[in-house]
N, C-alpha and C. Protein backbone atom coordinates (compact mmCIF):
# COMPACT_ATOMS: atom_id res chain seq x y z
N MET A 1 7.70 -21.10 52.74
CA MET A 1 7.61 -20.03 51.81
C MET A 1 8.60 -20.18 50.67
N LYS A 2 9.78 -20.67 50.95
CA LYS A 2 10.78 -20.88 49.92
C LYS A 2 10.34 -21.94 48.94
N LYS A 3 9.59 -22.93 49.42
CA LYS A 3 9.13 -24.00 48.55
C LYS A 3 8.12 -23.47 47.53
N ASN A 4 7.34 -22.50 47.85
CA ASN A 4 6.32 -21.96 46.95
C ASN A 4 6.95 -21.14 45.81
N LYS A 5 8.12 -20.55 46.01
CA LYS A 5 8.75 -19.72 45.00
C LYS A 5 9.44 -20.56 43.92
N LEU A 6 9.83 -21.77 44.24
CA LEU A 6 10.56 -22.62 43.29
C LEU A 6 9.76 -22.90 42.02
N PRO A 7 8.48 -23.29 42.08
CA PRO A 7 7.73 -23.51 40.83
C PRO A 7 7.56 -22.24 40.02
N ILE A 8 7.43 -21.10 40.69
CA ILE A 8 7.26 -19.83 39.98
C ILE A 8 8.56 -19.48 39.25
N ILE A 9 9.69 -19.63 39.91
CA ILE A 9 10.98 -19.32 39.30
C ILE A 9 11.22 -20.26 38.11
N ALA A 10 10.90 -21.52 38.25
CA ALA A 10 11.08 -22.50 37.17
C ALA A 10 10.19 -22.13 35.98
N SER A 11 8.97 -21.71 36.24
CA SER A 11 8.05 -21.32 35.17
C SER A 11 8.56 -20.08 34.45
N VAL A 12 9.02 -19.08 35.20
CA VAL A 12 9.54 -17.85 34.60
C VAL A 12 10.78 -18.16 33.77
N ALA A 13 11.65 -19.02 34.28
CA ALA A 13 12.87 -19.38 33.55
C ALA A 13 12.53 -20.11 32.26
N THR A 14 11.54 -20.98 32.28
CA THR A 14 11.12 -21.72 31.09
C THR A 14 10.54 -20.75 30.05
N ILE A 15 9.68 -19.86 30.48
CA ILE A 15 9.08 -18.87 29.56
C ILE A 15 10.18 -17.99 28.96
N PHE A 16 11.13 -17.57 29.78
CA PHE A 16 12.23 -16.75 29.31
C PHE A 16 13.07 -17.49 28.26
N ALA A 17 13.33 -18.77 28.51
CA ALA A 17 14.12 -19.58 27.57
C ALA A 17 13.40 -19.71 26.23
N PHE A 18 12.08 -19.96 26.25
CA PHE A 18 11.31 -20.08 25.01
C PHE A 18 11.25 -18.74 24.27
N THR A 19 11.15 -17.66 25.02
CA THR A 19 11.11 -16.34 24.41
C THR A 19 12.42 -16.05 23.69
N LEU A 20 13.54 -16.35 24.32
CA LEU A 20 14.83 -16.13 23.70
C LEU A 20 15.03 -17.02 22.47
N SER A 21 14.57 -18.24 22.53
CA SER A 21 14.75 -19.12 21.37
C SER A 21 13.91 -18.64 20.19
N GLY A 22 12.80 -17.97 20.45
CA GLY A 22 11.98 -17.42 19.38
C GLY A 22 12.62 -16.21 18.73
N CYS A 23 13.56 -15.60 19.40
CA CYS A 23 14.22 -14.41 18.86
C CYS A 23 15.46 -14.75 18.06
N GLN A 24 15.79 -16.01 17.97
CA GLN A 24 16.97 -16.40 17.20
C GLN A 24 16.77 -16.04 15.74
N ASN A 25 17.85 -15.78 15.07
CA ASN A 25 17.80 -15.47 13.65
C ASN A 25 17.69 -16.78 12.88
N ASN A 26 16.46 -17.08 12.47
CA ASN A 26 16.22 -18.33 11.74
C ASN A 26 16.35 -18.14 10.23
N GLN A 27 16.74 -16.96 9.78
CA GLN A 27 16.88 -16.74 8.34
C GLN A 27 18.12 -17.45 7.85
N THR A 28 17.95 -18.17 6.78
CA THR A 28 19.09 -18.85 6.19
C THR A 28 19.67 -17.96 5.10
N GLN A 29 20.91 -18.09 4.88
CA GLN A 29 21.55 -17.33 3.83
C GLN A 29 21.02 -17.81 2.49
N GLN A 30 20.37 -16.93 1.77
CA GLN A 30 19.85 -17.29 0.46
C GLN A 30 20.91 -17.06 -0.58
N LYS A 31 21.10 -18.07 -1.41
CA LYS A 31 22.05 -17.92 -2.50
C LYS A 31 21.40 -17.06 -3.57
N PRO A 32 22.17 -16.23 -4.21
CA PRO A 32 21.58 -15.43 -5.29
C PRO A 32 21.05 -16.36 -6.38
N LYS A 33 19.88 -16.01 -6.91
CA LYS A 33 19.29 -16.83 -7.95
C LYS A 33 20.15 -16.77 -9.20
N ALA A 34 20.27 -17.92 -9.83
CA ALA A 34 21.00 -17.96 -11.10
C ALA A 34 20.18 -17.18 -12.13
N ASN A 35 20.87 -16.40 -12.91
CA ASN A 35 20.17 -15.60 -13.92
C ASN A 35 19.77 -16.52 -15.06
N ASN A 36 18.49 -16.76 -15.20
CA ASN A 36 17.99 -17.65 -16.24
C ASN A 36 17.51 -16.88 -17.46
N ASN A 37 17.83 -15.60 -17.54
CA ASN A 37 17.41 -14.79 -18.69
C ASN A 37 18.58 -14.49 -19.60
N ILE A 38 18.27 -14.32 -20.87
CA ILE A 38 19.26 -13.93 -21.85
C ILE A 38 18.77 -12.69 -22.58
N SER A 39 19.68 -11.93 -23.18
CA SER A 39 19.32 -10.75 -23.96
C SER A 39 19.35 -11.11 -25.44
N VAL A 40 18.31 -10.70 -26.14
CA VAL A 40 18.22 -10.92 -27.58
C VAL A 40 17.80 -9.60 -28.23
N SER A 41 18.48 -9.22 -29.31
CA SER A 41 18.17 -7.99 -30.03
C SER A 41 17.24 -8.31 -31.19
N TYR A 42 16.21 -7.49 -31.34
CA TYR A 42 15.24 -7.66 -32.43
C TYR A 42 15.21 -6.39 -33.26
N VAL A 43 15.05 -6.57 -34.57
CA VAL A 43 14.91 -5.46 -35.51
C VAL A 43 13.70 -5.75 -36.37
N LEU A 44 12.84 -4.75 -36.54
CA LEU A 44 11.72 -4.82 -37.48
C LEU A 44 12.06 -3.88 -38.62
N ALA A 45 12.10 -4.40 -39.83
CA ALA A 45 12.43 -3.58 -40.98
C ALA A 45 11.31 -3.62 -42.00
N THR A 46 10.82 -2.44 -42.37
CA THR A 46 9.84 -2.30 -43.44
C THR A 46 10.40 -1.27 -44.42
N LYS A 47 9.69 -1.03 -45.52
CA LYS A 47 10.15 -0.03 -46.48
C LYS A 47 10.27 1.34 -45.83
N LYS A 48 9.37 1.63 -44.89
CA LYS A 48 9.29 2.98 -44.33
C LYS A 48 10.19 3.21 -43.11
N ASP A 49 10.36 2.21 -42.27
CA ASP A 49 11.14 2.45 -41.06
C ASP A 49 11.76 1.18 -40.51
N THR A 50 12.61 1.37 -39.51
CA THR A 50 13.28 0.27 -38.82
C THR A 50 13.16 0.53 -37.32
N GLU A 51 12.75 -0.50 -36.59
CA GLU A 51 12.66 -0.41 -35.13
C GLU A 51 13.58 -1.44 -34.50
N LYS A 52 14.23 -1.06 -33.40
CA LYS A 52 15.12 -1.98 -32.70
C LYS A 52 14.72 -2.06 -31.24
N LYS A 53 14.75 -3.28 -30.71
CA LYS A 53 14.49 -3.49 -29.28
C LYS A 53 15.35 -4.66 -28.80
N THR A 54 15.83 -4.55 -27.58
CA THR A 54 16.52 -5.65 -26.93
C THR A 54 15.64 -6.13 -25.80
N VAL A 55 15.38 -7.42 -25.76
CA VAL A 55 14.50 -7.98 -24.73
C VAL A 55 15.22 -9.07 -23.96
N LYS A 56 14.77 -9.27 -22.75
CA LYS A 56 15.26 -10.37 -21.92
C LYS A 56 14.21 -11.47 -21.94
N VAL A 57 14.66 -12.67 -22.25
CA VAL A 57 13.77 -13.83 -22.31
C VAL A 57 14.44 -14.98 -21.54
N PRO A 58 13.65 -15.94 -21.08
CA PRO A 58 14.24 -17.10 -20.41
C PRO A 58 15.12 -17.90 -21.38
N LYS A 59 16.14 -18.55 -20.84
CA LYS A 59 16.98 -19.43 -21.66
C LYS A 59 16.08 -20.45 -22.35
N LYS A 60 16.49 -20.90 -23.51
CA LYS A 60 15.77 -21.89 -24.33
C LYS A 60 14.46 -21.34 -24.89
N SER A 61 14.32 -20.02 -24.96
CA SER A 61 13.12 -19.42 -25.54
C SER A 61 13.19 -19.48 -27.06
N THR A 62 12.05 -19.26 -27.67
CA THR A 62 11.98 -19.22 -29.12
C THR A 62 12.02 -17.77 -29.61
N VAL A 63 12.23 -17.62 -30.90
CA VAL A 63 12.20 -16.29 -31.52
C VAL A 63 10.86 -15.62 -31.23
N MET A 64 9.78 -16.40 -31.30
CA MET A 64 8.43 -15.86 -31.09
C MET A 64 8.26 -15.29 -29.68
N THR A 65 8.87 -15.91 -28.68
CA THR A 65 8.74 -15.44 -27.29
C THR A 65 9.22 -13.99 -27.16
N GLY A 66 10.40 -13.71 -27.66
CA GLY A 66 10.93 -12.35 -27.58
C GLY A 66 10.18 -11.38 -28.46
N LEU A 67 9.78 -11.85 -29.63
CA LEU A 67 9.03 -10.99 -30.54
C LEU A 67 7.73 -10.53 -29.89
N LYS A 68 7.03 -11.45 -29.26
CA LYS A 68 5.76 -11.10 -28.60
C LYS A 68 5.99 -10.22 -27.37
N LYS A 69 7.15 -10.35 -26.77
CA LYS A 69 7.45 -9.50 -25.62
C LYS A 69 7.70 -8.06 -26.06
N ALA A 70 8.23 -7.90 -27.28
CA ALA A 70 8.59 -6.58 -27.77
C ALA A 70 7.46 -5.89 -28.53
N TRP A 71 6.66 -6.65 -29.28
CA TRP A 71 5.61 -6.07 -30.12
C TRP A 71 4.36 -6.93 -30.07
N LYS A 72 3.26 -6.36 -30.53
CA LYS A 72 2.02 -7.11 -30.69
C LYS A 72 2.16 -7.94 -31.96
N VAL A 73 1.89 -9.24 -31.84
CA VAL A 73 2.09 -10.16 -32.96
C VAL A 73 0.79 -10.90 -33.27
N ASP A 74 0.45 -10.98 -34.55
CA ASP A 74 -0.66 -11.82 -35.00
C ASP A 74 -0.06 -12.98 -35.78
N SER A 75 -0.59 -14.17 -35.53
CA SER A 75 -0.10 -15.34 -36.26
C SER A 75 -1.24 -16.28 -36.57
N ASN A 76 -1.00 -17.13 -37.54
CA ASN A 76 -1.99 -18.11 -37.96
C ASN A 76 -1.25 -19.42 -38.23
N LYS A 77 -1.55 -20.44 -37.43
CA LYS A 77 -0.91 -21.75 -37.56
C LYS A 77 0.61 -21.66 -37.52
N GLY A 78 1.12 -20.80 -36.65
CA GLY A 78 2.55 -20.66 -36.48
C GLY A 78 3.21 -19.67 -37.42
N PHE A 79 2.48 -19.18 -38.42
CA PHE A 79 3.03 -18.20 -39.35
C PHE A 79 2.67 -16.79 -38.89
N ILE A 80 3.64 -15.91 -38.90
CA ILE A 80 3.41 -14.53 -38.48
C ILE A 80 2.68 -13.80 -39.60
N THR A 81 1.55 -13.19 -39.27
CA THR A 81 0.77 -12.46 -40.26
C THR A 81 0.86 -10.95 -40.07
N ALA A 82 1.18 -10.50 -38.86
CA ALA A 82 1.33 -9.07 -38.61
C ALA A 82 2.20 -8.86 -37.37
N ILE A 83 2.99 -7.82 -37.43
CA ILE A 83 3.81 -7.41 -36.28
C ILE A 83 3.58 -5.92 -36.09
N ASP A 84 3.17 -5.56 -34.90
CA ASP A 84 2.95 -4.16 -34.54
C ASP A 84 2.02 -3.46 -35.54
N GLY A 85 1.00 -4.20 -35.99
CA GLY A 85 0.01 -3.64 -36.91
C GLY A 85 0.43 -3.64 -38.37
N LYS A 86 1.64 -4.06 -38.65
CA LYS A 86 2.13 -4.11 -40.03
C LYS A 86 1.86 -5.51 -40.57
N LYS A 87 0.91 -5.59 -41.53
CA LYS A 87 0.42 -6.89 -42.01
C LYS A 87 1.09 -7.30 -43.31
N GLN A 88 1.22 -8.62 -43.45
CA GLN A 88 1.66 -9.14 -44.74
C GLN A 88 0.48 -9.12 -45.71
N ASN A 89 0.78 -9.26 -46.99
CA ASN A 89 -0.26 -9.21 -48.02
C ASN A 89 0.02 -10.33 -49.02
N ALA A 90 -0.71 -11.43 -48.89
CA ALA A 90 -0.48 -12.60 -49.75
C ALA A 90 -0.74 -12.28 -51.21
N LYS A 91 -1.73 -11.46 -51.51
CA LYS A 91 -2.04 -11.12 -52.91
C LYS A 91 -0.88 -10.39 -53.58
N LYS A 92 -0.22 -9.53 -52.83
CA LYS A 92 0.92 -8.79 -53.38
C LYS A 92 2.25 -9.51 -53.11
N LYS A 93 2.18 -10.69 -52.51
CA LYS A 93 3.35 -11.51 -52.18
C LYS A 93 4.32 -10.78 -51.23
N ILE A 94 3.74 -10.06 -50.28
CA ILE A 94 4.53 -9.37 -49.26
C ILE A 94 4.40 -10.16 -47.95
N TYR A 95 5.53 -10.63 -47.44
CA TYR A 95 5.52 -11.51 -46.26
C TYR A 95 6.59 -11.08 -45.26
N TRP A 96 6.38 -11.51 -44.02
CA TRP A 96 7.39 -11.35 -42.99
C TRP A 96 8.39 -12.50 -43.11
N THR A 97 9.66 -12.19 -43.17
CA THR A 97 10.72 -13.20 -43.10
C THR A 97 11.66 -12.78 -41.98
N TYR A 98 12.48 -13.71 -41.53
CA TYR A 98 13.42 -13.32 -40.47
C TYR A 98 14.75 -14.05 -40.60
N THR A 99 15.77 -13.41 -40.04
CA THR A 99 17.10 -14.00 -39.95
C THR A 99 17.53 -14.01 -38.49
N VAL A 100 18.41 -14.92 -38.17
CA VAL A 100 19.04 -14.96 -36.85
C VAL A 100 20.54 -14.86 -37.10
N ASN A 101 21.12 -13.80 -36.59
CA ASN A 101 22.56 -13.54 -36.78
C ASN A 101 22.93 -13.52 -38.26
N GLY A 102 22.04 -12.95 -39.09
CA GLY A 102 22.32 -12.79 -40.50
C GLY A 102 22.00 -13.98 -41.38
N LYS A 103 21.55 -15.08 -40.80
CA LYS A 103 21.24 -16.28 -41.58
C LYS A 103 19.73 -16.52 -41.56
N TYR A 104 19.18 -16.81 -42.76
CA TYR A 104 17.75 -17.09 -42.83
C TYR A 104 17.42 -18.32 -42.00
N ALA A 105 16.33 -18.23 -41.28
CA ALA A 105 15.91 -19.31 -40.39
C ALA A 105 15.36 -20.47 -41.20
N THR A 106 15.54 -21.67 -40.69
CA THR A 106 15.02 -22.87 -41.34
C THR A 106 13.80 -23.41 -40.60
N LYS A 107 13.42 -22.74 -39.52
CA LYS A 107 12.26 -23.16 -38.72
C LYS A 107 11.33 -21.97 -38.54
N GLY A 108 10.12 -22.26 -38.12
CA GLY A 108 9.18 -21.20 -37.79
C GLY A 108 9.62 -20.46 -36.54
N ALA A 109 9.15 -19.24 -36.38
CA ALA A 109 9.54 -18.42 -35.23
C ALA A 109 9.12 -19.05 -33.91
N ASN A 110 8.09 -19.88 -33.94
CA ASN A 110 7.64 -20.54 -32.71
C ASN A 110 8.44 -21.81 -32.41
N GLN A 111 9.38 -22.18 -33.29
CA GLN A 111 10.22 -23.36 -33.08
C GLN A 111 11.71 -23.02 -32.97
N GLN A 112 12.12 -21.92 -33.58
CA GLN A 112 13.53 -21.54 -33.61
C GLN A 112 13.97 -21.02 -32.25
N LYS A 113 14.94 -21.67 -31.64
CA LYS A 113 15.47 -21.25 -30.33
C LYS A 113 16.44 -20.09 -30.49
N VAL A 114 16.53 -19.26 -29.46
CA VAL A 114 17.49 -18.15 -29.45
C VAL A 114 18.50 -18.38 -28.34
N ALA A 115 19.67 -17.79 -28.54
CA ALA A 115 20.74 -17.85 -27.54
C ALA A 115 21.09 -16.43 -27.12
N SER A 116 21.86 -16.32 -26.08
CA SER A 116 22.24 -15.02 -25.56
C SER A 116 22.95 -14.19 -26.63
N ASN A 117 22.54 -12.93 -26.73
CA ASN A 117 23.11 -11.95 -27.66
C ASN A 117 22.82 -12.22 -29.13
N ASP A 118 21.86 -13.08 -29.42
CA ASP A 118 21.44 -13.28 -30.81
C ASP A 118 20.84 -11.99 -31.35
N LYS A 119 20.95 -11.83 -32.66
CA LYS A 119 20.35 -10.69 -33.35
C LYS A 119 19.33 -11.23 -34.34
N VAL A 120 18.06 -10.91 -34.08
CA VAL A 120 16.96 -11.40 -34.90
C VAL A 120 16.41 -10.22 -35.70
N LYS A 121 16.31 -10.40 -37.01
CA LYS A 121 15.80 -9.31 -37.87
C LYS A 121 14.59 -9.81 -38.64
N PHE A 122 13.48 -9.11 -38.48
CA PHE A 122 12.26 -9.38 -39.23
C PHE A 122 12.13 -8.35 -40.33
N THR A 123 11.86 -8.82 -41.53
CA THR A 123 11.73 -7.93 -42.68
C THR A 123 10.39 -8.18 -43.37
N LEU A 124 9.67 -7.11 -43.63
CA LEU A 124 8.42 -7.18 -44.39
C LEU A 124 8.76 -6.77 -45.81
N ALA A 125 8.78 -7.76 -46.72
CA ALA A 125 9.21 -7.47 -48.08
C ALA A 125 8.50 -8.38 -49.08
N LYS A 126 8.58 -7.96 -50.34
CA LYS A 126 7.96 -8.71 -51.42
C LYS A 126 8.84 -9.90 -51.76
N MET A 127 8.23 -11.05 -51.89
CA MET A 127 8.93 -12.27 -52.28
C MET A 127 8.82 -12.44 -53.79
N LYS A 128 9.84 -12.97 -54.39
CA LYS A 128 9.85 -13.16 -55.84
C LYS A 128 9.32 -14.52 -56.22
């Protein structure tokens, strides 16, 4: 009779050991994700009003990325034709221009990169 109990005890012990190993905390400590976003301030200036928004965009983003995140943008071949429903008018020589940190940009908004805490200002004004 004692011989018959040995396989049963061994089986129960094996099942118990597997059950306990399944209850181990297999979660690994996750490192906090590096913050890959930056804050950029945008200003839209027209004759009638001025709007300001600060947006978070991924590092190495372009001016256009944040602009599109903040407002509805229409463009043609990389040139901005309207922002938030405010359209340029080629016949009247009214166009959207922009500065980054007070300096006029030398690239299109889809090429100009932004850095953390940059201040981008779009102005709808008549060109001379």
